[in-house]
Amino acid sequence: MSSRIGYRGAGRRVPARAGSLARRAGNAQTSSTLQKKEIQVRSSLRQAVAASGGLSGKSSPLIDQLQWAGARLLFHAYIAFAVFSVVGGFLTAPLMSWYFLGDWRFWRYWNILTDLLPHGYRMMFLMLRGENRGFHLSVPLTAAPSTGVDPTLVELSPTWLHGNSCGPCTRCCSKINCPILDPDSGLCRGYNSFFWRYFNCGRYPTIQREIDYYGCEKWEMRPQRPRRTATPLKEGEQVA
């Protein structure tokens, strides 16, 4: 008897290859059915989230502000824990690394992370002295995360020769001896991290006082147009 003949069922001979093909067809059909069901479930979820405003970009401003405020409060609580416990930041090194460097792989930045603790004490001292409006404490809890300046508030100085780049300037980092600044390249190693987006770095500057504090030569505040106030019409007078 050929090796290609096998027994399937009661007294019925079916070629083994045909049986294998039948099983594959059945498995393919089952897989196709499962994929269709998965697509239907995903579609239903998308519609549900979109209906609530999640994917359509129509989420409530109040909900956004609550999320931003919650994220900042958690950060403040975590930093307080790390600073006052001394060892808290080291025990939670992946989280510390993610907050300031945007990367969970803390072993790549161990030298930076060990410098963050004394830097935290220095910053706390400067805050108690009232310097620079308390630095990151000056950012409103409900402010949206930002990765760049607000063009309605500031503009490039006409004497600045490096365009949107900061060029060789590192004043806003070197003035406070920030350990995240790379001394070789002059670049911030925490660009676009949580701290960058949620606090001062990503939105600097916002007021003239910040420009003056760092002696920034790149930005100038835009002149603010005075608000026009409505003058009440006199009796019998008409609007022009």
C-alpha atoms as a PDB file:
ATOM      1  CA  MET A   1       0.000   0.000   0.000  1.00  0.00           C
ATOM      2  CA  SER A   2       1.315   3.441  -0.867  1.00  0.00           C
ATOM      3  CA  SER A   3       2.611   5.558   1.982  1.00  0.00           C
ATOM      4  CA  ARG A   4       0.321   8.310   0.742  1.00  0.00           C
ATOM      5  CA  ILE A   5      -2.769   6.332   1.758  1.00  0.00           C
ATOM      6  CA  GLY A   6      -4.093   6.778   5.264  1.00  0.00           C
ATOM      7  CA  TYR A   7      -7.330   5.904   7.043  1.00  0.00           C
ATOM      8  CA  ARG A   8      -9.793   8.647   7.933  1.00  0.00           C
ATOM      9  CA  GLY A   9     -13.157   7.684   9.454  1.00  0.00           C
ATOM     10  CA  ALA A  10     -14.803   4.260   9.704  1.00  0.00           C
ATOM     11  CA  GLY A  11     -13.618   2.032   6.867  1.00  0.00           C
ATOM     12  CA  ARG A  12     -13.060   4.979   4.528  1.00  0.00           C
ATOM     13  CA  ARG A  13      -9.698   5.463   2.853  1.00  0.00           C
ATOM     14  CA  VAL A  14      -8.634   9.044   2.072  1.00  0.00           C
ATOM     15  CA  PRO A  15      -5.293  10.158   0.692  1.00  0.00           C
ATOM     16  CA  ALA A  16      -3.206  11.614   3.539  1.00  0.00           C
ATOM     17  CA  ARG A  17      -2.221  14.653   1.453  1.00  0.00           C
ATOM     18  CA  ALA A  18      -5.882  15.409   0.746  1.00  0.00           C
ATOM     19  CA  GLY A  19      -6.624  15.167   4.466  1.00  0.00           C
ATOM     20  CA  SER A  20      -3.768  17.533   5.242  1.00  0.00           C
ATOM     21  CA  LEU A  21      -5.040  20.014   2.685  1.00  0.00           C
ATOM     22  CA  ALA A  22      -8.520  19.775   4.149  1.00  0.00           C
ATOM     23  CA  ARG A  23      -7.155  20.509   7.631  1.00  0.00           C
ATOM     24  CA  ARG A  24      -5.187  23.475   6.338  1.00  0.00           C
ATOM     25  CA  ALA A  25      -8.270  24.818   4.583  1.00  0.00           C
ATOM     26  CA  GLY A  26     -10.251  24.428   7.794  1.00  0.00           C
ATOM     27  CA  ASN A  27      -7.548  26.179   9.832  1.00  0.00           C
ATOM     28  CA  ALA A  28      -7.352  28.988   7.284  1.00  0.00           C
ATOM     29  CA  GLN A  29     -11.111  29.435   7.420  1.00  0.00           C
ATOM     30  CA  THR A  30     -11.045  29.514  11.243  1.00  0.00           C
ATOM     31  CA  SER A  31      -8.173  32.010  11.211  1.00  0.00           C
ATOM     32  CA  SER A  32     -10.025  34.173   8.707  1.00  0.00           C
ATOM     33  CA  THR A  33     -13.126  34.111  10.894  1.00  0.00           C
ATOM     34  CA  LEU A  34     -11.105  35.114  13.960  1.00  0.00           C
ATOM     35  CA  GLN A  35      -9.442  37.938  12.045  1.00  0.00           C
ATOM     36  CA  LYS A  36     -12.819  39.229  10.920  1.00  0.00           C
ATOM     37  CA  LYS A  37     -14.102  39.143  14.490  1.00  0.00           C
ATOM     38  CA  GLU A  38     -10.953  40.942  15.710  1.00  0.00           C
ATOM     39  CA  ILE A  39     -11.410  43.622  13.065  1.00  0.00           C
ATOM     40  CA  GLN A  40     -15.037  44.033  14.087  1.00  0.00           C
ATOM     41  CA  VAL A  41     -14.051  44.381  17.750  1.00  0.00           C
ATOM     42  CA  ARG A  42     -11.339  46.935  16.920  1.00  0.00           C
ATOM     43  CA  SER A  43     -13.763  48.852  14.742  1.00  0.00           C
ATOM     44  CA  SER A  44     -16.315  48.903  17.547  1.00  0.00           C
ATOM     45  CA  LEU A  45     -13.680  50.137  20.001  1.00  0.00           C
ATOM     46  CA  ARG A  46     -12.551  52.872  17.635  1.00  0.00           C
ATOM     47  CA  GLN A  47     -16.120  54.019  17.151  1.00  0.00           C
ATOM     48  CA  ALA A  48     -16.707  54.039  20.903  1.00  0.00           C
ATOM     49  CA  VAL A  49     -13.541  56.020  21.616  1.00  0.00           C
ATOM     50  CA  ALA A  50     -14.203  58.390  18.731  1.00  0.00           C
ATOM     51  CA  ALA A  51     -17.726  58.951  20.002  1.00  0.00           C
ATOM     52  CA  SER A  52     -16.266  59.980  23.356  1.00  0.00           C
ATOM     53  CA  GLY A  53     -13.835  62.348  21.630  1.00  0.00           C
ATOM     54  CA  GLY A  54     -10.652  60.320  22.207  1.00  0.00           C
ATOM     55  CA  LEU A  55      -9.602  59.689  18.596  1.00  0.00           C
ATOM     56  CA  SER A  56     -11.431  62.528  16.961  1.00  0.00           C
ATOM     57  CA  GLY A  57      -9.388  65.173  18.761  1.00  0.00           C
ATOM     58  CA  LYS A  58     -12.524  66.573  20.372  1.00  0.00           C
ATOM     59  CA  SER A  59     -11.665  65.681  23.955  1.00  0.00           C
ATOM     60  CA  SER A  60     -12.890  68.126  26.540  1.00  0.00           C
ATOM     61  CA  PRO A  61     -10.392  70.907  27.393  1.00  0.00           C
ATOM     62  CA  LEU A  62     -11.216  70.327  31.039  1.00  0.00           C
ATOM     63  CA  ILE A  63     -10.239  66.649  30.776  1.00  0.00           C
ATOM     64  CA  ASP A  64      -6.972  67.611  29.056  1.00  0.00           C
ATOM     65  CA  GLN A  65      -6.161  70.132  31.767  1.00  0.00           C
ATOM     66  CA  LEU A  66      -6.922  67.597  34.497  1.00  0.00           C
ATOM     67  CA  GLN A  67      -4.576  65.094  32.834  1.00  0.00           C
ATOM     68  CA  TRP A  68      -1.774  67.664  32.529  1.00  0.00           C
ATOM     69  CA  ALA A  69      -2.251  68.800  36.109  1.00  0.00           C
ATOM     70  CA  GLY A  70      -2.275  65.191  37.343  1.00  0.00           C
ATOM     71  CA  ALA A  71       0.940  64.425  35.468  1.00  0.00           C
ATOM     72  CA  ARG A  72       2.689  67.453  36.974  1.00  0.00           C
ATOM     73  CA  LEU A  73       1.471  66.722  40.502  1.00  0.00           C
ATOM     74  CA  LEU A  74       2.765  63.154  40.216  1.00  0.00           C
ATOM     75  CA  PHE A  75       6.114  64.515  39.042  1.00  0.00           C
ATOM     76  CA  HIS A  76       6.319  66.978  41.948  1.00  0.00           C
ATOM     77  CA  ALA A  77       5.476  64.223  44.416  1.00  0.00           C
ATOM     78  CA  TYR A  78       8.061  61.895  42.886  1.00  0.00           C
ATOM     79  CA  ILE A  79      10.825  64.524  42.933  1.00  0.00           C
ATOM     80  CA  ALA A  80      10.015  65.372  46.562  1.00  0.00           C
ATOM     81  CA  PHE A  81      10.303  61.670  47.399  1.00  0.00           C
ATOM     82  CA  ALA A  82      13.616  61.351  45.536  1.00  0.00           C
ATOM     83  CA  VAL A  83      15.158  64.471  47.088  1.00  0.00           C
ATOM     84  CA  PHE A  84      14.079  63.983  50.696  1.00  0.00           C
ATOM     85  CA  SER A  85      14.646  60.226  50.809  1.00  0.00           C
ATOM     86  CA  VAL A  86      18.090  60.630  49.169  1.00  0.00           C
ATOM     87  CA  VAL A  87      17.995  57.044  47.864  1.00  0.00           C
ATOM     88  CA  GLY A  88      14.537  57.222  46.232  1.00  0.00           C
ATOM     89  CA  GLY A  89      15.844  58.413  42.881  1.00  0.00           C
ATOM     90  CA  PHE A  90      18.433  55.631  42.743  1.00  0.00           C
ATOM     91  CA  LEU A  91      15.924  52.949  43.684  1.00  0.00           C
ATOM     92  CA  THR A  92      13.636  54.164  40.892  1.00  0.00           C
ATOM     93  CA  ALA A  93      16.387  54.945  38.386  1.00  0.00           C
ATOM     94  CA  PRO A  94      14.394  53.849  35.293  1.00  0.00           C
ATOM     95  CA  LEU A  95      11.606  56.294  36.134  1.00  0.00           C
ATOM     96  CA  MET A  96      14.040  59.107  36.883  1.00  0.00           C
ATOM     97  CA  SER A  97      15.792  58.434  33.595  1.00  0.00           C
ATOM     98  CA  TRP A  98      12.509  58.501  31.697  1.00  0.00           C
ATOM     99  CA  TYR A  99      11.347  61.745  33.314  1.00  0.00           C
ATOM    100  CA  PHE A 100      14.508  63.701  32.512  1.00  0.00           C
ATOM    101  CA  LEU A 101      16.084  61.879  29.572  1.00  0.00           C
ATOM    102  CA  GLY A 102      13.133  60.234  27.843  1.00  0.00           C
ATOM    103  CA  ASP A 103      14.700  56.791  28.134  1.00  0.00           C
ATOM    104  CA  TRP A 104      14.098  53.952  30.610  1.00  0.00           C
ATOM    105  CA  ARG A 105      17.616  52.573  30.087  1.00  0.00           C
ATOM    106  CA  PHE A 106      19.118  54.304  33.110  1.00  0.00           C
ATOM    107  CA  TRP A 107      22.475  52.512  32.873  1.00  0.00           C
ATOM    108  CA  ARG A 108      23.298  54.606  29.829  1.00  0.00           C
ATOM    109  CA  TYR A 109      23.027  57.813  31.868  1.00  0.00           C
ATOM    110  CA  TRP A 110      24.226  56.737  35.298  1.00  0.00           C
ATOM    111  CA  ASN A 111      26.735  59.604  35.599  1.00  0.00           C
ATOM    112  CA  ILE A 112      24.006  62.116  34.767  1.00  0.00           C
ATOM    113  CA  LEU A 113      21.521  60.564  37.183  1.00  0.00           C
ATOM    114  CA  THR A 114      24.002  60.631  40.069  1.00  0.00           C
ATOM    115  CA  ASP A 115      24.544  64.355  39.410  1.00  0.00           C
ATOM    116  CA  LEU A 116      20.802  65.036  39.440  1.00  0.00           C
ATOM    117  CA  LEU A 117      20.545  64.598  43.229  1.00  0.00           C
ATOM    118  CA  PRO A 118      22.961  67.416  44.214  1.00  0.00           C
ATOM    119  CA  HIS A 119      21.493  69.457  41.356  1.00  0.00           C
ATOM    120  CA  GLY A 120      18.063  68.989  42.923  1.00  0.00           C
ATOM    121  CA  TYR A 121      19.324  70.416  46.211  1.00  0.00           C
ATOM    122  CA  ARG A 122      20.841  73.401  44.392  1.00  0.00           C
ATOM    123  CA  MET A 123      17.583  74.066  42.576  1.00  0.00           C
ATOM    124  CA  MET A 124      15.617  73.799  45.802  1.00  0.00           C
ATOM    125  CA  PHE A 125      17.915  76.421  47.351  1.00  0.00           C
ATOM    126  CA  LEU A 126      17.424  78.747  44.360  1.00  0.00           C
ATOM    127  CA  MET A 127      13.648  78.292  44.575  1.00  0.00           C
ATOM    128  CA  LEU A 128      13.673  79.208  48.266  1.00  0.00           C
ATOM    129  CA  ARG A 129      15.574  82.365  47.311  1.00  0.00           C
ATOM    130  CA  GLY A 130      12.797  83.167  44.836  1.00  0.00           C
ATOM    131  CA  GLU A 131      15.016  83.128  41.754  1.00  0.00           C
ATOM    132  CA  ASN A 132      13.464  82.979  38.292  1.00  0.00           C
ATOM    133  CA  ARG A 133       9.899  82.708  39.661  1.00  0.00           C
ATOM    134  CA  GLY A 134      10.646  79.318  41.179  1.00  0.00           C
ATOM    135  CA  PHE A 135      11.755  77.752  37.881  1.00  0.00           C
ATOM    136  CA  HIS A 136       9.503  74.784  37.039  1.00  0.00           C
ATOM    137  CA  LEU A 137       7.094  75.713  39.831  1.00  0.00           C
ATOM    138  CA  SER A 138       6.164  78.778  37.766  1.00  0.00           C
ATOM    139  CA  VAL A 139       4.571  76.625  35.043  1.00  0.00           C
ATOM    140  CA  PRO A 140       0.793  76.413  35.624  1.00  0.00           C
ATOM    141  CA  LEU A 141      -0.382  72.919  36.435  1.00  0.00           C
ATOM    142  CA  THR A 142      -2.982  73.021  33.662  1.00  0.00           C
ATOM    143  CA  ALA A 143      -0.665  74.375  30.934  1.00  0.00           C
ATOM    144  CA  ALA A 144      -0.419  72.244  27.809  1.00  0.00           C
ATOM    145  CA  PRO A 145       2.903  70.446  27.189  1.00  0.00           C
ATOM    146  CA  SER A 146       5.142  72.385  24.826  1.00  0.00           C
ATOM    147  CA  THR A 147       8.204  71.645  22.713  1.00  0.00           C
ATOM    148  CA  GLY A 148       8.839  75.187  21.509  1.00  0.00           C
ATOM    149  CA  VAL A 149       8.275  78.855  22.170  1.00  0.00           C
ATOM    150  CA  ASP A 150       4.916  80.520  21.788  1.00  0.00           C
ATOM    151  CA  PRO A 151       5.306  82.657  18.627  1.00  0.00           C
ATOM    152  CA  THR A 152       2.549  84.980  19.818  1.00  0.00           C
ATOM    153  CA  LEU A 153       4.722  85.934  22.813  1.00  0.00           C
ATOM    154  CA  VAL A 154       8.289  86.075  21.491  1.00  0.00           C
ATOM    155  CA  GLU A 155      10.237  86.654  18.312  1.00  0.00           C
ATOM    156  CA  LEU A 156      13.838  86.267  17.209  1.00  0.00           C
ATOM    157  CA  SER A 157      16.112  89.173  17.974  1.00  0.00           C
ATOM    158  CA  PRO A 158      17.224  90.965  14.775  1.00  0.00           C
ATOM    159  CA  THR A 159      20.827  90.715  15.976  1.00  0.00           C
ATOM    160  CA  TRP A 160      20.655  86.925  16.366  1.00  0.00           C
ATOM    161  CA  LEU A 161      22.678  85.237  13.593  1.00  0.00           C
ATOM    162  CA  HIS A 162      21.790  81.558  14.078  1.00  0.00           C
ATOM    163  CA  GLY A 163      18.156  81.433  13.003  1.00  0.00           C
ATOM    164  CA  ASN A 164      15.955  79.176  15.102  1.00  0.00           C
ATOM    165  CA  SER A 165      19.001  77.347  16.414  1.00  0.00           C
ATOM    166  CA  CYS A 166      20.533  78.332  19.747  1.00  0.00           C
ATOM    167  CA  GLY A 167      23.934  78.204  18.050  1.00  0.00           C
ATOM    168  CA  PRO A 168      26.808  78.075  20.535  1.00  0.00           C
ATOM    169  CA  CYS A 169      24.707  79.533  23.351  1.00  0.00           C
ATOM    170  CA  THR A 170      24.007  77.351  26.399  1.00  0.00           C
ATOM    171  CA  ARG A 171      23.251  80.092  28.925  1.00  0.00           C
ATOM    172  CA  CYS A 172      19.888  78.764  30.084  1.00  0.00           C
ATOM    173  CA  CYS A 173      21.576  75.437  30.962  1.00  0.00           C
ATOM    174  CA  SER A 174      25.020  76.508  32.107  1.00  0.00           C
ATOM    175  CA  LYS A 175      23.732  79.263  34.407  1.00  0.00           C
ATOM    176  CA  ILE A 176      22.140  76.626  36.645  1.00  0.00           C
ATOM    177  CA  ASN A 177      24.848  73.997  35.960  1.00  0.00           C
ATOM    178  CA  CYS A 178      22.303  71.560  34.529  1.00  0.00           C
ATOM    179  CA  PRO A 179      23.889  68.079  34.415  1.00  0.00           C
ATOM    180  CA  ILE A 180      21.741  67.089  31.440  1.00  0.00           C
ATOM    181  CA  LEU A 181      23.653  69.492  29.184  1.00  0.00           C
ATOM    182  CA  ASP A 182      26.285  67.690  27.125  1.00  0.00           C
ATOM    183  CA  PRO A 183      29.447  69.763  27.637  1.00  0.00           C
ATOM    184  CA  ASP A 184      31.075  68.415  24.480  1.00  0.00           C
ATOM    185  CA  SER A 185      28.310  69.070  21.965  1.00  0.00           C
ATOM    186  CA  GLY A 186      26.505  71.834  23.851  1.00  0.00           C
ATOM    187  CA  LEU A 187      23.215  69.992  23.299  1.00  0.00           C
ATOM    188  CA  CYS A 188      20.540  69.005  25.787  1.00  0.00           C
ATOM    189  CA  ARG A 189      20.458  65.246  26.339  1.00  0.00           C
ATOM    190  CA  GLY A 190      16.917  65.478  27.665  1.00  0.00           C
ATOM    191  CA  TYR A 191      15.374  67.098  24.608  1.00  0.00           C
ATOM    192  CA  ASN A 192      11.653  66.365  24.286  1.00  0.00           C
ATOM    193  CA  SER A 193      11.569  64.359  27.521  1.00  0.00           C
ATOM    194  CA  PHE A 194       8.703  64.679  30.004  1.00  0.00           C
ATOM    195  CA  PHE A 195      10.506  67.414  31.928  1.00  0.00           C
ATOM    196  CA  TRP A 196      11.320  69.279  28.724  1.00  0.00           C
ATOM    197  CA  ARG A 197       7.713  69.278  27.508  1.00  0.00           C
ATOM    198  CA  TYR A 198       5.887  69.832  30.787  1.00  0.00           C
ATOM    199  CA  PHE A 199       8.101  72.489  32.358  1.00  0.00           C
ATOM    200  CA  ASN A 200      10.296  75.458  31.467  1.00  0.00           C
ATOM    201  CA  CYS A 201      12.731  74.026  28.927  1.00  0.00           C
ATOM    202  CA  GLY A 202      10.299  73.399  26.101  1.00  0.00           C
ATOM    203  CA  ARG A 203       8.455  76.707  26.429  1.00  0.00           C
ATOM    204  CA  TYR A 204      11.317  79.077  27.280  1.00  0.00           C
ATOM    205  CA  PRO A 205      10.929  82.041  27.281  1.00  0.00           C
ATOM    206  CA  THR A 206       7.454  83.170  28.254  1.00  0.00           C
ATOM    207  CA  ILE A 207       8.132  86.544  29.905  1.00  0.00           C
ATOM    208  CA  GLN A 208      10.821  89.248  29.805  1.00  0.00           C
ATOM    209  CA  ARG A 209      11.953  88.339  33.305  1.00  0.00           C
ATOM    210  CA  GLU A 210      13.121  84.932  32.080  1.00  0.00           C
ATOM    211  CA  ILE A 211      15.064  86.496  29.192  1.00  0.00           C
ATOM    212  CA  ASP A 212      16.759  88.878  31.629  1.00  0.00           C
ATOM    213  CA  TYR A 213      17.581  86.136  34.131  1.00  0.00           C
ATOM    214  CA  TYR A 214      19.579  84.114  31.601  1.00  0.00           C
ATOM    215  CA  GLY A 215      20.829  87.067  29.573  1.00  0.00           C
ATOM    216  CA  CYS A 216      19.312  85.506  26.455  1.00  0.00           C
ATOM    217  CA  GLU A 217      20.360  87.180  23.190  1.00  0.00           C
ATOM    218  CA  LYS A 218      18.147  85.077  20.942  1.00  0.00           C
ATOM    219  CA  TRP A 219      14.614  86.039  21.938  1.00  0.00           C
ATOM    220  CA  GLU A 220      12.697  89.245  22.389  1.00  0.00           C
ATOM    221  CA  MET A 221       9.186  89.679  23.676  1.00  0.00           C
ATOM    222  CA  ARG A 222       6.696  90.756  21.053  1.00  0.00           C
ATOM    223  CA  PRO A 223       5.174  94.155  21.698  1.00  0.00           C
ATOM    224  CA  GLN A 224       1.723  93.601  23.083  1.00  0.00           C
ATOM    225  CA  ARG A 225      -1.014  95.640  21.481  1.00  0.00           C
ATOM    226  CA  PRO A 226      -3.037  97.602  23.998  1.00  0.00           C
ATOM    227  CA  ARG A 227      -6.517  96.301  24.473  1.00  0.00           C
ATOM    228  CA  ARG A 228      -9.197  98.459  22.982  1.00  0.00           C
ATOM    229  CA  THR A 229     -11.941  99.346  25.369  1.00  0.00           C
ATOM    230  CA  ALA A 230     -15.415 100.161  24.161  1.00  0.00           C
ATOM    231  CA  THR A 231     -16.440 103.755  24.706  1.00  0.00           C
ATOM    232  CA  PRO A 232     -20.102 104.175  25.606  1.00  0.00           C
ATOM    233  CA  LEU A 233     -22.061 106.129  23.015  1.00  0.00           C
ATOM    234  CA  LYS A 234     -23.606 109.363  23.967  1.00  0.00           C
ATOM    235  CA  GLU A 235     -27.300 109.838  23.605  1.00  0.00           C
ATOM    236  CA  GLY A 236     -28.250 110.243  19.948  1.00  0.00           C
ATOM    237  CA  GLU A 237     -24.753 109.230  18.727  1.00  0.00           C
ATOM    238  CA  GLN A 238     -24.433 106.496  16.079  1.00  0.00           C
ATOM    239  CA  VAL A 239     -21.675 103.963  15.411  1.00  0.00           C
ATOM    240  CA  ALA A 240     -19.468 105.030  12.483  1.00  0.00           C
END
